[in-house]
Amino acid sequence: MDLAYDDLINDRDRWLIVMLARGYTTTRIAREMHLSRHTVAERISKLLDQFACSNRSQLVAYSYAHRFLNVGVWPPGVRR
């Protein structure tokens, strides 16, 4: 990975976006990540703001377009 890519998003945020792409609810993401629903919702909100996305679907699409997620792979995984 290049330095610019690493500066934009960390591994936990990439994993959160993978779960969004898979259709997980905030509750399920919180359970998988061992966080509170509030923490997950707050992190999603920050990611939406960071990448100027208006909703979760747009964030997932942005993540594919900028290769935060593996293009052409389903279910989505984290880019390595």
PDB file of N, CA and C in Angstrom:
ATOM      1  N   MET A   1       0.839  -1.184   0.000  1.00  0.00           N
ATOM      2  CA  MET A   1       0.000   0.000   0.000  1.00  0.00           C
ATOM      3  C   MET A   1       0.877   1.238   0.000  1.00  0.00           C
ATOM      4  N   ASP A   2       0.379   2.272  -0.634  1.00  0.00           N
ATOM      5  CA  ASP A   2       1.158   3.497  -0.645  1.00  0.00           C
ATOM      6  C   ASP A   2       0.805   4.360   0.560  1.00  0.00           C
ATOM      7  N   LEU A   3       1.672   5.304   0.867  1.00  0.00           N
ATOM      8  CA  LEU A   3       1.512   6.152   2.044  1.00  0.00           C
ATOM      9  C   LEU A   3       0.229   6.957   1.993  1.00  0.00           C
ATOM     10  N   ALA A   4      -0.126   7.514   0.835  1.00  0.00           N
ATOM     11  CA  ALA A   4      -1.340   8.323   0.707  1.00  0.00           C
ATOM     12  C   ALA A   4      -2.579   7.487   1.033  1.00  0.00           C
ATOM     13  N   TYR A   5      -2.601   6.255   0.585  1.00  0.00           N
ATOM     14  CA  TYR A   5      -3.727   5.360   0.861  1.00  0.00           C
ATOM     15  C   TYR A   5      -3.852   5.138   2.361  1.00  0.00           C
ATOM     16  N   ASP A   6      -2.737   4.846   3.029  1.00  0.00           N
ATOM     17  CA  ASP A   6      -2.764   4.597   4.461  1.00  0.00           C
ATOM     18  C   ASP A   6      -3.194   5.817   5.253  1.00  0.00           C
ATOM     19  N   ASP A   7      -2.887   6.999   4.765  1.00  0.00           N
ATOM     20  CA  ASP A   7      -3.272   8.222   5.452  1.00  0.00           C
ATOM     21  C   ASP A   7      -4.779   8.470   5.379  1.00  0.00           C
ATOM     22  N   LEU A   8      -5.445   7.988   4.357  1.00  0.00           N
ATOM     23  CA  LEU A   8      -6.869   8.247   4.172  1.00  0.00           C
ATOM     24  C   LEU A   8      -7.758   7.405   5.075  1.00  0.00           C
ATOM     25  N   ILE A   9      -7.387   6.169   5.292  1.00  0.00           N
ATOM     26  CA  ILE A   9      -8.274   5.258   6.007  1.00  0.00           C
ATOM     27  C   ILE A   9      -7.467   4.158   6.692  1.00  0.00           C
ATOM     28  N   ASN A  10      -7.869   3.787   7.907  1.00  0.00           N
ATOM     29  CA  ASN A  10      -7.147   2.733   8.632  1.00  0.00           C
ATOM     30  C   ASN A  10      -7.852   1.385   8.453  1.00  0.00           C
ATOM     31  N   ASP A  11      -7.220   0.334   8.941  1.00  0.00           N
ATOM     32  CA  ASP A  11      -7.746  -1.022   8.749  1.00  0.00           C
ATOM     33  C   ASP A  11      -9.114  -1.222   9.394  1.00  0.00           C
ATOM     34  N   ARG A  12      -9.332  -0.669  10.575  1.00  0.00           N
ATOM     35  CA  ARG A  12     -10.635  -0.835  11.238  1.00  0.00           C
ATOM     36  C   ARG A  12     -11.737  -0.139  10.444  1.00  0.00           C
ATOM     37  N   ASP A  13     -11.443   1.023   9.884  1.00  0.00           N
ATOM     38  CA  ASP A  13     -12.436   1.716   9.059  1.00  0.00           C
ATOM     39  C   ASP A  13     -12.709   0.951   7.768  1.00  0.00           C
ATOM     40  N   ARG A  14     -11.665   0.378   7.172  1.00  0.00           N
ATOM     41  CA  ARG A  14     -11.867  -0.453   5.978  1.00  0.00           C
ATOM     42  C   ARG A  14     -12.767  -1.635   6.314  1.00  0.00           C
ATOM     43  N   TRP A  15     -12.530  -2.276   7.457  1.00  0.00           N
ATOM     44  CA  TRP A  15     -13.349  -3.419   7.841  1.00  0.00           C
ATOM     45  C   TRP A  15     -14.793  -2.982   8.086  1.00  0.00           C
ATOM     46  N   LEU A  16     -14.992  -1.811   8.684  1.00  0.00           N
ATOM     47  CA  LEU A  16     -16.338  -1.278   8.888  1.00  0.00           C
ATOM     48  C   LEU A  16     -17.035  -1.084   7.537  1.00  0.00           C
ATOM     49  N   ILE A  17     -16.336  -0.542   6.565  1.00  0.00           N
ATOM     50  CA  ILE A  17     -16.917  -0.323   5.237  1.00  0.00           C
ATOM     51  C   ILE A  17     -17.223  -1.653   4.549  1.00  0.00           C
ATOM     52  N   VAL A  18     -16.366  -2.650   4.737  1.00  0.00           N
ATOM     53  CA  VAL A  18     -16.642  -3.985   4.194  1.00  0.00           C
ATOM     54  C   VAL A  18     -17.974  -4.485   4.749  1.00  0.00           C
ATOM     55  N   MET A  19     -18.176  -4.337   6.036  1.00  0.00           N
ATOM     56  CA  MET A  19     -19.425  -4.805   6.644  1.00  0.00           C
ATOM     57  C   MET A  19     -20.623  -4.007   6.129  1.00  0.00           C
ATOM     58  N   LEU A  20     -20.449  -2.713   5.899  1.00  0.00           N
ATOM     59  CA  LEU A  20     -21.528  -1.920   5.287  1.00  0.00           C
ATOM     60  C   LEU A  20     -21.846  -2.456   3.897  1.00  0.00           C
ATOM     61  N   ALA A  21     -20.805  -2.762   3.134  1.00  0.00           N
ATOM     62  CA  ALA A  21     -21.002  -3.285   1.777  1.00  0.00           C
ATOM     63  C   ALA A  21     -21.727  -4.619   1.799  1.00  0.00           C
ATOM     64  N   ARG A  22     -21.517  -5.389   2.840  1.00  0.00           N
ATOM     65  CA  ARG A  22     -22.190  -6.680   2.985  1.00  0.00           C
ATOM     66  C   ARG A  22     -23.616  -6.538   3.520  1.00  0.00           C
ATOM     67  N   GLY A  23     -24.013  -5.307   3.826  1.00  0.00           N
ATOM     68  CA  GLY A  23     -25.378  -5.062   4.270  1.00  0.00           C
ATOM     69  C   GLY A  23     -25.604  -5.195   5.764  1.00  0.00           C
ATOM     70  N   TYR A  24     -24.540  -5.217   6.535  1.00  0.00           N
ATOM     71  CA  TYR A  24     -24.676  -5.353   7.986  1.00  0.00           C
ATOM     72  C   TYR A  24     -25.325  -4.106   8.582  1.00  0.00           C
ATOM     73  N   THR A  25     -26.116  -4.314   9.606  1.00  0.00           N
ATOM     74  CA  THR A  25     -26.717  -3.205  10.345  1.00  0.00           C
ATOM     75  C   THR A  25     -25.689  -2.638  11.323  1.00  0.00           C
ATOM     76  N   THR A  26     -25.991  -1.471  11.858  1.00  0.00           N
ATOM     77  CA  THR A  26     -25.122  -0.866  12.869  1.00  0.00           C
ATOM     78  C   THR A  26     -24.959  -1.804  14.060  1.00  0.00           C
ATOM     79  N   THR A  27     -26.039  -2.437  14.458  1.00  0.00           N
ATOM     80  CA  THR A  27     -25.993  -3.360  15.590  1.00  0.00           C
ATOM     81  C   THR A  27     -25.071  -4.536  15.308  1.00  0.00           C
ATOM     82  N   ARG A  28     -25.175  -5.106  14.128  1.00  0.00           N
ATOM     83  CA  ARG A  28     -24.328  -6.252  13.787  1.00  0.00           C
ATOM     84  C   ARG A  28     -22.868  -5.833  13.678  1.00  0.00           C
ATOM     85  N   ILE A  29     -22.608  -4.683  13.090  1.00  0.00           N
ATOM     86  CA  ILE A  29     -21.226  -4.188  12.998  1.00  0.00           C
ATOM     87  C   ILE A  29     -20.658  -4.004  14.402  1.00  0.00           C
ATOM     88  N   ALA A  30     -21.444  -3.403  15.285  1.00  0.00           N
ATOM     89  CA  ALA A  30     -21.002  -3.188  16.667  1.00  0.00           C
ATOM     90  C   ALA A  30     -20.656  -4.509  17.334  1.00  0.00           C
ATOM     91  N   ARG A  31     -21.487  -5.514  17.123  1.00  0.00           N
ATOM     92  CA  ARG A  31     -21.250  -6.833  17.711  1.00  0.00           C
ATOM     93  C   ARG A  31     -19.961  -7.446  17.137  1.00  0.00           C
ATOM     94  N   GLU A  32     -19.788  -7.369  15.811  1.00  0.00           N
ATOM     95  CA  GLU A  32     -18.600  -7.943  15.159  1.00  0.00           C
ATOM     96  C   GLU A  32     -17.309  -7.244  15.586  1.00  0.00           C
ATOM     97  N   MET A  33     -17.393  -5.918  15.789  1.00  0.00           N
ATOM     98  CA  MET A  33     -16.202  -5.136  16.120  1.00  0.00           C
ATOM     99  C   MET A  33     -16.007  -4.965  17.629  1.00  0.00           C
ATOM    100  N   HIS A  34     -16.942  -5.496  18.412  1.00  0.00           N
ATOM    101  CA  HIS A  34     -16.885  -5.376  19.874  1.00  0.00           C
ATOM    102  C   HIS A  34     -16.872  -3.912  20.307  1.00  0.00           C
ATOM    103  N   LEU A  35     -17.794  -3.145  19.712  1.00  0.00           N
ATOM    104  CA  LEU A  35     -17.964  -1.727  20.023  1.00  0.00           C
ATOM    105  C   LEU A  35     -19.438  -1.469  20.346  1.00  0.00           C
ATOM    106  N   SER A  36     -19.722  -0.291  20.864  1.00  0.00           N
ATOM    107  CA  SER A  36     -21.118   0.071  21.092  1.00  0.00           C
ATOM    108  C   SER A  36     -21.740   0.531  19.775  1.00  0.00           C
ATOM    109  N   ARG A  37     -23.068   0.448  19.702  1.00  0.00           N
ATOM    110  CA  ARG A  37     -23.781   0.947  18.521  1.00  0.00           C
ATOM    111  C   ARG A  37     -23.475   2.430  18.316  1.00  0.00           C
ATOM    112  N   HIS A  38     -23.410   3.165  19.415  1.00  0.00           N
ATOM    113  CA  HIS A  38     -23.137   4.605  19.343  1.00  0.00           C
ATOM    114  C   HIS A  38     -21.768   4.870  18.701  1.00  0.00           C
ATOM    115  N   THR A  39     -20.770   4.111  19.106  1.00  0.00           N
ATOM    116  CA  THR A  39     -19.422   4.283  18.555  1.00  0.00           C
ATOM    117  C   THR A  39     -19.410   3.986  17.060  1.00  0.00           C
ATOM    118  N   VAL A  40     -20.083   2.924  16.660  1.00  0.00           N
ATOM    119  CA  VAL A  40     -20.142   2.563  15.237  1.00  0.00           C
ATOM    120  C   VAL A  40     -20.871   3.647  14.450  1.00  0.00           C
ATOM    121  N   ALA A  41     -22.012   4.094  14.948  1.00  0.00           N
ATOM    122  CA  ALA A  41     -22.769   5.139  14.257  1.00  0.00           C
ATOM    123  C   ALA A  41     -21.950   6.424  14.133  1.00  0.00           C
ATOM    124  N   GLU A  42     -21.219   6.750  15.176  1.00  0.00           N
ATOM    125  CA  GLU A  42     -20.363   7.944  15.151  1.00  0.00           C
ATOM    126  C   GLU A  42     -19.248   7.792  14.118  1.00  0.00           C
ATOM    127  N   ARG A  43     -18.637   6.617  14.056  1.00  0.00           N
ATOM    128  CA  ARG A  43     -17.553   6.379  13.100  1.00  0.00           C
ATOM    129  C   ARG A  43     -18.072   6.427  11.666  1.00  0.00           C
ATOM    130  N   ILE A  44     -19.251   5.860  11.430  1.00  0.00           N
ATOM    131  CA  ILE A  44     -19.851   5.917  10.092  1.00  0.00           C
ATOM    132  C   ILE A  44     -20.099   7.365   9.711  1.00  0.00           C
ATOM    133  N   SER A  45     -20.642   8.145  10.633  1.00  0.00           N
ATOM    134  CA  SER A  45     -20.901   9.558  10.374  1.00  0.00           C
ATOM    135  C   SER A  45     -19.614  10.309  10.026  1.00  0.00           C
ATOM    136  N   LYS A  46     -18.540  10.021  10.746  1.00  0.00           N
ATOM    137  CA  LYS A  46     -17.251  10.672  10.461  1.00  0.00           C
ATOM    138  C   LYS A  46     -16.718  10.270   9.086  1.00  0.00           C
ATOM    139  N   LEU A  47     -16.877   9.005   8.718  1.00  0.00           N
ATOM    140  CA  LEU A  47     -16.440   8.564   7.394  1.00  0.00           C
ATOM    141  C   LEU A  47     -17.267   9.225   6.296  1.00  0.00           C
ATOM    142  N   LEU A  48     -18.566   9.346   6.517  1.00  0.00           N
ATOM    143  CA  LEU A  48     -19.422  10.031   5.537  1.00  0.00           C
ATOM    144  C   LEU A  48     -18.942  11.467   5.335  1.00  0.00           C
ATOM    145  N   ASP A  49     -18.656  12.146   6.433  1.00  0.00           N
ATOM    146  CA  ASP A  49     -18.158  13.525   6.338  1.00  0.00           C
ATOM    147  C   ASP A  49     -16.782  13.583   5.682  1.00  0.00           C
ATOM    148  N   GLN A  50     -15.892  12.685   6.080  1.00  0.00           N
ATOM    149  CA  GLN A  50     -14.525  12.677   5.561  1.00  0.00           C
ATOM    150  C   GLN A  50     -14.493  12.546   4.050  1.00  0.00           C
ATOM    151  N   PHE A  51     -15.379  11.731   3.497  1.00  0.00           N
ATOM    152  CA  PHE A  51     -15.362  11.480   2.063  1.00  0.00           C
ATOM    153  C   PHE A  51     -16.524  12.151   1.339  1.00  0.00           C
ATOM    154  N   ALA A  52     -17.208  13.082   2.016  1.00  0.00           N
ATOM    155  CA  ALA A  52     -18.302  13.879   1.434  1.00  0.00           C
ATOM    156  C   ALA A  52     -19.383  12.988   0.812  1.00  0.00           C
ATOM    157  N   CYS A  53     -19.759  11.952   1.545  1.00  0.00           N
ATOM    158  CA  CYS A  53     -20.813  11.043   1.100  1.00  0.00           C
ATOM    159  C   CYS A  53     -22.083  11.343   1.894  1.00  0.00           C
ATOM    160  N   SER A  54     -23.227  11.182   1.246  1.00  0.00           N
ATOM    161  CA  SER A  54     -24.480  11.517   1.919  1.00  0.00           C
ATOM    162  C   SER A  54     -25.157  10.316   2.567  1.00  0.00           C
ATOM    163  N   ASN A  55     -24.718   9.091   2.235  1.00  0.00           N
ATOM    164  CA  ASN A  55     -25.316   7.906   2.850  1.00  0.00           C
ATOM    165  C   ASN A  55     -24.344   6.732   2.758  1.00  0.00           C
ATOM    166  N   ARG A  56     -24.725   5.633   3.394  1.00  0.00           N
ATOM    167  CA  ARG A  56     -23.860   4.455   3.451  1.00  0.00           C
ATOM    168  C   ARG A  56     -23.570   3.876   2.069  1.00  0.00           C
ATOM    169  N   SER A  57     -24.579   3.836   1.227  1.00  0.00           N
ATOM    170  CA  SER A  57     -24.382   3.289  -0.123  1.00  0.00           C
ATOM    171  C   SER A  57     -23.360   4.105  -0.902  1.00  0.00           C
ATOM    172  N   GLN A  58     -23.449   5.398  -0.772  1.00  0.00           N
ATOM    173  CA  GLN A  58     -22.500   6.261  -1.461  1.00  0.00           C
ATOM    174  C   GLN A  58     -21.086   6.055  -0.899  1.00  0.00           C
ATOM    175  N   LEU A  59     -20.975   5.841   0.403  1.00  0.00           N
ATOM    176  CA  LEU A  59     -19.674   5.568   1.016  1.00  0.00           C
ATOM    177  C   LEU A  59     -19.085   4.262   0.473  1.00  0.00           C
ATOM    178  N   VAL A  60     -19.902   3.243   0.339  1.00  0.00           N
ATOM    179  CA  VAL A  60     -19.439   1.968  -0.224  1.00  0.00           C
ATOM    180  C   VAL A  60     -18.991   2.170  -1.674  1.00  0.00           C
ATOM    181  N   ALA A  61     -19.795   2.875  -2.468  1.00  0.00           N
ATOM    182  CA  ALA A  61     -19.433   3.134  -3.865  1.00  0.00           C
ATOM    183  C   ALA A  61     -18.122   3.919  -3.946  1.00  0.00           C
ATOM    184  N   TYR A  62     -17.978   4.927  -3.101  1.00  0.00           N
ATOM    185  CA  TYR A  62     -16.750   5.724  -3.048  1.00  0.00           C
ATOM    186  C   TYR A  62     -15.558   4.821  -2.714  1.00  0.00           C
ATOM    187  N   SER A  63     -15.774   3.912  -1.780  1.00  0.00           N
ATOM    188  CA  SER A  63     -14.700   3.005  -1.351  1.00  0.00           C
ATOM    189  C   SER A  63     -14.260   2.082  -2.472  1.00  0.00           C
ATOM    190  N   TYR A  64     -15.209   1.612  -3.278  1.00  0.00           N
ATOM    191  CA  TYR A  64     -14.849   0.811  -4.452  1.00  0.00           C
ATOM    192  C   TYR A  64     -14.118   1.674  -5.482  1.00  0.00           C
ATOM    193  N   ALA A  65     -14.652   2.861  -5.746  1.00  0.00           N
ATOM    194  CA  ALA A  65     -14.057   3.742  -6.760  1.00  0.00           C
ATOM    195  C   ALA A  65     -12.630   4.135  -6.406  1.00  0.00           C
ATOM    196  N   HIS A  66     -12.340   4.281  -5.112  1.00  0.00           N
ATOM    197  CA  HIS A  66     -11.007   4.674  -4.672  1.00  0.00           C
ATOM    198  C   HIS A  66     -10.187   3.487  -4.170  1.00  0.00           C
ATOM    199  N   ARG A  67     -10.689   2.289  -4.463  1.00  0.00           N
ATOM    200  CA  ARG A  67      -9.998   1.028  -4.188  1.00  0.00           C
ATOM    201  C   ARG A  67      -9.679   0.795  -2.715  1.00  0.00           C
ATOM    202  N   PHE A  68     -10.541   1.299  -1.820  1.00  0.00           N
ATOM    203  CA  PHE A  68     -10.440   0.916  -0.417  1.00  0.00           C
ATOM    204  C   PHE A  68     -10.945  -0.518  -0.272  1.00  0.00           C
ATOM    205  N   LEU A  69     -11.844  -0.927  -1.180  1.00  0.00           N
ATOM    206  CA  LEU A  69     -12.360  -2.291  -1.243  1.00  0.00           C
ATOM    207  C   LEU A  69     -11.889  -2.915  -2.545  1.00  0.00           C
ATOM    208  N   ASN A  70     -11.707  -4.239  -2.533  1.00  0.00           N
ATOM    209  CA  ASN A  70     -11.262  -4.950  -3.729  1.00  0.00           C
ATOM    210  C   ASN A  70     -12.347  -4.904  -4.802  1.00  0.00           C
ATOM    211  N   VAL A  71     -12.023  -4.377  -5.943  1.00  0.00           N
ATOM    212  CA  VAL A  71     -12.963  -4.288  -7.053  1.00  0.00           C
ATOM    213  C   VAL A  71     -13.142  -5.676  -7.663  1.00  0.00           C
ATOM    214  N   GLY A  72     -14.379  -6.047  -7.929  1.00  0.00           N
ATOM    215  CA  GLY A  72     -14.662  -7.317  -8.575  1.00  0.00           C
ATOM    216  C   GLY A  72     -14.658  -8.516  -7.651  1.00  0.00           C
ATOM    217  N   VAL A  73     -14.586  -8.304  -6.350  1.00  0.00           N
ATOM    218  CA  VAL A  73     -14.568  -9.400  -5.391  1.00  0.00           C
ATOM    219  C   VAL A  73     -15.837  -9.349  -4.553  1.00  0.00           C
ATOM    220  N   TRP A  74     -16.551 -10.470  -4.506  1.00  0.00           N
ATOM    221  CA  TRP A  74     -17.728 -10.540  -3.645  1.00  0.00           C
ATOM    222  C   TRP A  74     -17.675 -11.832  -2.845  1.00  0.00           C
ATOM    223  N   PRO A  75     -17.917 -11.811  -1.584  1.00  0.00           N
ATOM    224  CA  PRO A  75     -18.202 -10.608  -0.798  1.00  0.00           C
ATOM    225  C   PRO A  75     -16.966  -9.735  -0.697  1.00  0.00           C
ATOM    226  N   PRO A  76     -17.186  -8.456  -0.467  1.00  0.00           N
ATOM    227  CA  PRO A  76     -16.051  -7.525  -0.440  1.00  0.00           C
ATOM    228  C   PRO A  76     -15.065  -7.886   0.664  1.00  0.00           C
ATOM    229  N   GLY A  77     -13.836  -7.602   0.386  1.00  0.00           N
ATOM    230  CA  GLY A  77     -12.769  -7.802   1.368  1.00  0.00           C
ATOM    231  C   GLY A  77     -11.914  -6.557   1.440  1.00  0.00           C
ATOM    232  N   VAL A  78     -10.965  -6.573   2.317  1.00  0.00           N
ATOM    233  CA  VAL A  78     -10.078  -5.426   2.483  1.00  0.00           C
ATOM    234  C   VAL A  78      -8.943  -5.522   1.476  1.00  0.00           C
ATOM    235  N   ARG A  79      -8.626  -4.408   0.835  1.00  0.00           N
ATOM    236  CA  ARG A  79      -7.517  -4.359  -0.125  1.00  0.00           C
ATOM    237  C   ARG A  79      -6.215  -4.619   0.593  1.00  0.00           C
ATOM    238  N   ARG A  80      -5.376  -5.450   0.014  1.00  0.00           N
ATOM    239  CA  ARG A  80      -4.062  -5.746   0.618  1.00  0.00           C
ATOM    240  C   ARG A  80      -2.959  -5.267  -0.276  1.00  0.00           C
TER     241      ARG A  80
END
